């Protein structure tokens, strides 16, 4: 029993070493990239690569889901690139208990820079859903249809905002599940506002707020379950 316990301890130490010092293992990962420690799957088999500041490119998806044993790229995460530490947050990851579902998020000031679900099966990514983009698309379309005058006024009032703000709106996406362990269906709450700073001089006709509830199902499809606007 004592030897068995030592083997178990050794196994977890090996996983930790892979996570914390990936580039020291045979050069299996590109220069300037390393494994984000929190992204290692429960069995230590998978993880996500993040670039250092020197190799970071804002306009190119660089985060990759990889096999930690071989360095093989399983999937490029099709979203804004995240690093371990960034202004207003950084990249965070959570796995389902069985290691079949990865929730990848890059935090931001007003809303996530990236929010993606990836479904795994035996070393293959079955699908990935860009939850942030799907949520933005759905809530923007519904808000525009429900309040076309306010929507147009808000777009005009917020003209010149960063391209990260779709049509000038702030669209936040948060998990509706308890804890950080993702499960399917994956529930989210999406909120839209035209005036996140609550500026008193903001045009009244441009005020627009909306909320949307949705889930990502077992096939990776984004399904809206509720929408409200005011």
Protein backbone atom coordinates (compact mmCIF):
# COMPACT_ATOMS: atom_id res chain seq x y z
CA UNK A 1 0.00 0.00 0.00
CA UNK A 2 2.89 2.33 0.79
CA UNK A 3 4.42 1.80 -2.67
CA UNK A 4 1.04 2.34 -4.32
CA UNK A 5 0.72 5.64 -2.50
CA UNK A 6 4.15 6.71 -3.70
CA UNK A 7 3.19 5.88 -7.29
CA UNK A 8 0.05 8.04 -7.01
CA UNK A 9 2.04 10.94 -5.59
CA UNK A 10 4.58 10.54 -8.38
CA UNK A 11 1.82 10.62 -11.00
CA UNK A 12 0.47 13.96 -9.77
CA UNK A 13 3.96 15.42 -9.47
CA UNK A 14 4.56 14.50 -13.11
CA UNK A 15 1.36 16.26 -14.13
CA UNK A 16 2.42 19.36 -12.22
CA UNK A 17 5.81 19.38 -13.91
CA UNK A 18 4.21 19.15 -17.34
CA UNK A 19 1.93 22.05 -16.50
CA UNK A 20 4.53 24.33 -14.98
CA UNK A 21 7.51 23.63 -17.21
CA UNK A 22 6.25 22.43 -20.61
CA UNK A 23 9.08 23.92 -22.66
CA UNK A 24 11.62 21.91 -20.67
CA UNK A 25 10.23 18.67 -22.04
CA UNK A 26 11.93 17.99 -25.34
CA UNK A 27 10.96 21.32 -26.91
CA UNK A 28 7.56 19.92 -27.83
CA UNK A 29 5.90 23.36 -27.77
CA UNK A 30 6.80 26.43 -29.88
CA UNK A 31 9.22 28.99 -28.52
CA UNK A 32 7.39 31.69 -26.56
CA UNK A 33 4.45 29.43 -25.70
CA UNK A 34 3.73 27.51 -22.53
CA UNK A 35 0.92 25.58 -20.89
CA UNK A 36 -1.46 27.58 -18.73
CA UNK A 37 -1.34 25.64 -15.42
CA UNK A 38 -5.08 25.94 -14.75
CA UNK A 39 -5.87 24.54 -18.21
CA UNK A 40 -4.52 21.02 -17.57
CA UNK A 41 -7.30 18.44 -17.82
CA UNK A 42 -8.16 16.23 -14.82
CA UNK A 43 -6.12 13.32 -16.20
CA UNK A 44 -3.22 15.57 -17.26
CA UNK A 45 -3.63 14.58 -20.90
CA UNK A 46 -4.72 17.93 -22.37
CA UNK A 47 -3.91 21.60 -21.81
CA UNK A 48 -4.02 25.00 -23.51
CA UNK A 49 -0.97 26.87 -24.78
CA UNK A 50 -0.66 30.60 -24.15
CA UNK A 51 1.93 33.00 -25.62
CA UNK A 52 4.26 35.25 -23.68
CA UNK A 53 4.11 39.03 -24.17
CA UNK A 54 6.77 38.98 -26.88
CA UNK A 55 4.84 36.50 -29.04
CA UNK A 56 1.29 37.75 -28.35
CA UNK A 57 -0.80 38.88 -31.34
CA UNK A 58 -4.14 40.50 -30.61
CA UNK A 59 -5.70 39.82 -34.02
CA UNK A 60 -4.70 36.14 -34.46
CA UNK A 61 -6.15 33.17 -32.51
CA UNK A 62 -3.07 31.73 -30.78
CA UNK A 63 -4.43 29.62 -27.93
CA UNK A 64 -4.22 25.94 -28.80
CA UNK A 65 -5.58 22.85 -27.11
CA UNK A 66 -2.76 20.31 -27.11
CA UNK A 67 -1.85 16.80 -26.09
CA UNK A 68 0.62 17.29 -23.23
CA UNK A 69 2.40 14.01 -23.93
CA UNK A 70 3.18 14.61 -27.59
CA UNK A 71 2.65 18.32 -28.14
CA UNK A 72 0.11 17.55 -30.88
CA UNK A 73 -2.31 20.39 -31.57
CA UNK A 74 -5.87 19.14 -31.11
CA UNK A 75 -7.61 22.41 -31.91
CA UNK A 76 -6.96 26.11 -32.30
CA UNK A 77 -9.33 28.03 -30.04
CA UNK A 78 -11.11 30.32 -32.50
CA UNK A 79 -11.36 33.42 -30.32
CA UNK A 80 -9.28 36.35 -29.10
CA UNK A 81 -5.97 35.15 -27.68
CA UNK A 82 -5.49 35.06 -23.93
CA UNK A 83 -2.41 35.01 -21.74
CA UNK A 84 -1.99 34.09 -18.09
CA UNK A 85 -1.95 37.76 -17.07
CA UNK A 86 -3.48 40.66 -19.00
CA UNK A 87 -4.99 44.06 -18.30
CA UNK A 88 -8.32 43.54 -16.54
CA UNK A 89 -7.80 39.81 -16.06
CA UNK A 90 -6.33 36.94 -18.01
CA UNK A 91 -7.07 33.48 -19.35
CA UNK A 92 -8.90 30.97 -17.16
CA UNK A 93 -10.00 27.41 -17.85
CA UNK A 94 -12.30 24.85 -16.28
CA UNK A 95 -12.85 21.19 -17.17
CA UNK A 96 -15.77 18.90 -16.54
CA UNK A 97 -15.01 16.17 -14.02
CA UNK A 98 -14.63 13.55 -16.75
CA UNK A 99 -12.38 15.78 -18.89
CA UNK A 100 -14.77 15.81 -21.84
CA UNK A 101 -15.72 19.50 -21.74
CA UNK A 102 -13.45 22.54 -21.54
CA UNK A 103 -14.73 26.01 -20.72
CA UNK A 104 -12.13 28.55 -21.87
CA UNK A 105 -12.46 32.22 -20.99
CA UNK A 106 -10.30 35.33 -21.38
CA UNK A 107 -11.45 37.98 -18.95
CA UNK A 108 -11.91 41.68 -19.76
CA UNK A 109 -13.01 44.91 -18.08
CA UNK A 110 -16.65 45.06 -19.16
CA UNK A 111 -17.13 41.60 -20.63
CA UNK A 112 -15.02 38.56 -21.58
CA UNK A 113 -12.58 38.86 -24.45
CA UNK A 114 -13.28 35.19 -25.19
CA UNK A 115 -15.74 32.59 -23.94
CA UNK A 116 -15.56 29.19 -25.64
CA UNK A 117 -16.76 25.64 -24.98
CA UNK A 118 -14.90 22.67 -26.46
CA UNK A 119 -16.26 19.13 -26.43
CA UNK A 120 -13.65 16.36 -26.38
CA UNK A 121 -13.71 12.66 -27.18
CA UNK A 122 -10.62 10.42 -27.16
CA UNK A 123 -8.12 13.03 -28.24
CA UNK A 124 -10.43 14.75 -30.73
CA UNK A 125 -12.32 18.03 -30.46
CA UNK A 126 -15.86 17.12 -31.53
CA UNK A 127 -16.95 20.76 -31.60
CA UNK A 128 -16.19 24.17 -30.22
CA UNK A 129 -18.72 26.93 -29.65
CA UNK A 130 -17.75 30.58 -29.39
CA UNK A 131 -20.27 31.40 -26.67
CA UNK A 132 -19.36 35.10 -26.60
CA UNK A 133 -19.93 35.62 -30.33
CA UNK A 134 -23.15 33.60 -30.38
CA UNK A 135 -24.47 35.52 -27.36
CA UNK A 136 -23.60 38.88 -28.91
CA UNK A 137 -25.22 37.99 -32.21
CA UNK A 138 -28.46 36.80 -30.62
CA UNK A 139 -28.97 39.61 -28.11
CA UNK A 140 -28.05 42.34 -30.61
CA UNK A 141 -30.51 41.03 -33.20
CA UNK A 142 -33.33 40.81 -30.66
CA UNK A 143 -32.63 44.23 -29.14
CA UNK A 144 -32.52 45.86 -32.59
CA UNK A 145 -35.87 44.29 -33.53
CA UNK A 146 -37.54 45.15 -30.20
CA UNK A 147 -36.29 48.74 -29.90
CA UNK A 148 -35.14 49.94 -33.35
CA UNK A 149 -35.24 53.66 -32.50
CA UNK A 150 -33.31 53.27 -29.24
CA UNK A 151 -30.88 50.89 -30.91
CA UNK A 152 -30.07 53.35 -33.69
CA UNK A 153 -29.69 56.19 -31.21
CA UNK A 154 -27.38 54.11 -29.03
CA UNK A 155 -25.21 53.20 -32.00
CA UNK A 156 -24.88 56.89 -32.83
CA UNK A 157 -24.14 57.89 -29.23
CA UNK A 158 -21.46 55.19 -28.89
CA UNK A 159 -19.87 55.71 -32.29
CA UNK A 160 -16.10 55.52 -32.03
CA UNK A 161 -16.01 52.81 -29.36
CA UNK A 162 -13.52 49.99 -29.75
CA UNK A 163 -14.47 47.30 -32.31
CA UNK A 164 -14.64 44.94 -29.33
CA UNK A 165 -17.96 46.64 -28.47
CA UNK A 166 -20.42 45.28 -31.05
CA UNK A 167 -22.42 48.19 -32.48
CA UNK A 168 -21.10 50.22 -29.53
CA UNK A 169 -22.89 48.11 -26.88
CA UNK A 170 -21.47 46.35 -23.85
CA UNK A 171 -22.48 42.68 -23.97
CA UNK A 172 -21.53 40.59 -20.96
CA UNK A 173 -21.76 36.80 -20.79
CA UNK A 174 -21.75 34.92 -17.49
CA UNK A 175 -22.23 31.27 -16.63
CA UNK A 176 -25.55 30.54 -14.94
CA UNK A 177 -24.20 27.35 -13.38
CA UNK A 178 -23.04 26.98 -9.79
CA UNK A 179 -19.29 26.54 -9.39
CA UNK A 180 -16.69 26.44 -12.16
CA UNK A 181 -17.17 22.86 -13.37
CA UNK A 182 -18.92 23.00 -16.77
CA UNK A 183 -21.73 20.60 -17.64
CA UNK A 184 -24.09 20.26 -20.60
CA UNK A 185 -26.46 21.86 -21.25
CA UNK A 186 -24.27 24.87 -20.40
CA UNK A 187 -26.44 27.78 -19.23
CA UNK A 188 -25.47 31.44 -19.60
CA UNK A 189 -26.95 34.84 -18.80
CA UNK A 190 -26.25 37.58 -21.35
CA UNK A 191 -26.72 41.28 -20.59
CA UNK A 192 -26.60 44.22 -22.98
CA UNK A 193 -26.35 47.90 -22.10
CA UNK A 194 -25.77 51.06 -24.09
CA UNK A 195 -24.57 53.07 -21.08
CA UNK A 196 -22.41 50.88 -18.80
CA UNK A 197 -20.92 53.85 -16.92
CA UNK A 198 -24.39 55.26 -16.15
CA UNK A 199 -23.41 58.66 -17.58
CA UNK A 200 -26.14 61.16 -16.64
CA UNK A 201 -25.76 63.15 -19.86
CA UNK A 202 -26.25 60.07 -22.03
CA UNK A 203 -29.17 60.66 -24.46
CA UNK A 204 -32.41 59.29 -23.02
CA UNK A 205 -33.60 57.90 -26.34
CA UNK A 206 -30.30 56.00 -26.62
CA UNK A 207 -30.79 54.18 -23.31
CA UNK A 208 -31.20 50.47 -24.01
CA UNK A 209 -30.82 47.43 -21.75
CA UNK A 210 -31.58 43.80 -22.49
CA UNK A 211 -31.09 40.37 -20.96
CA UNK A 212 -31.01 36.96 -22.57
CA UNK A 213 -30.91 33.44 -21.13
CA UNK A 214 -29.49 30.65 -23.26
CA UNK A 215 -27.91 27.22 -23.21
CA UNK A 216 -25.30 25.37 -25.25
CA UNK A 217 -26.61 21.85 -25.83
CA UNK A 218 -24.86 18.51 -26.29
CA UNK A 219 -24.35 19.22 -30.00
CA UNK A 220 -22.73 22.60 -29.34
CA UNK A 221 -25.75 24.60 -30.48
CA UNK A 222 -26.56 27.93 -28.80
CA UNK A 223 -30.27 28.04 -27.87
CA UNK A 224 -32.06 31.14 -26.54
CA UNK A 225 -34.58 30.37 -23.79
CA UNK A 226 -35.65 33.87 -22.67
CA UNK A 227 -35.24 37.50 -23.77
CA UNK A 228 -36.28 40.75 -22.10
CA UNK A 229 -35.61 44.38 -23.08
CA UNK A 230 -36.25 47.81 -21.59
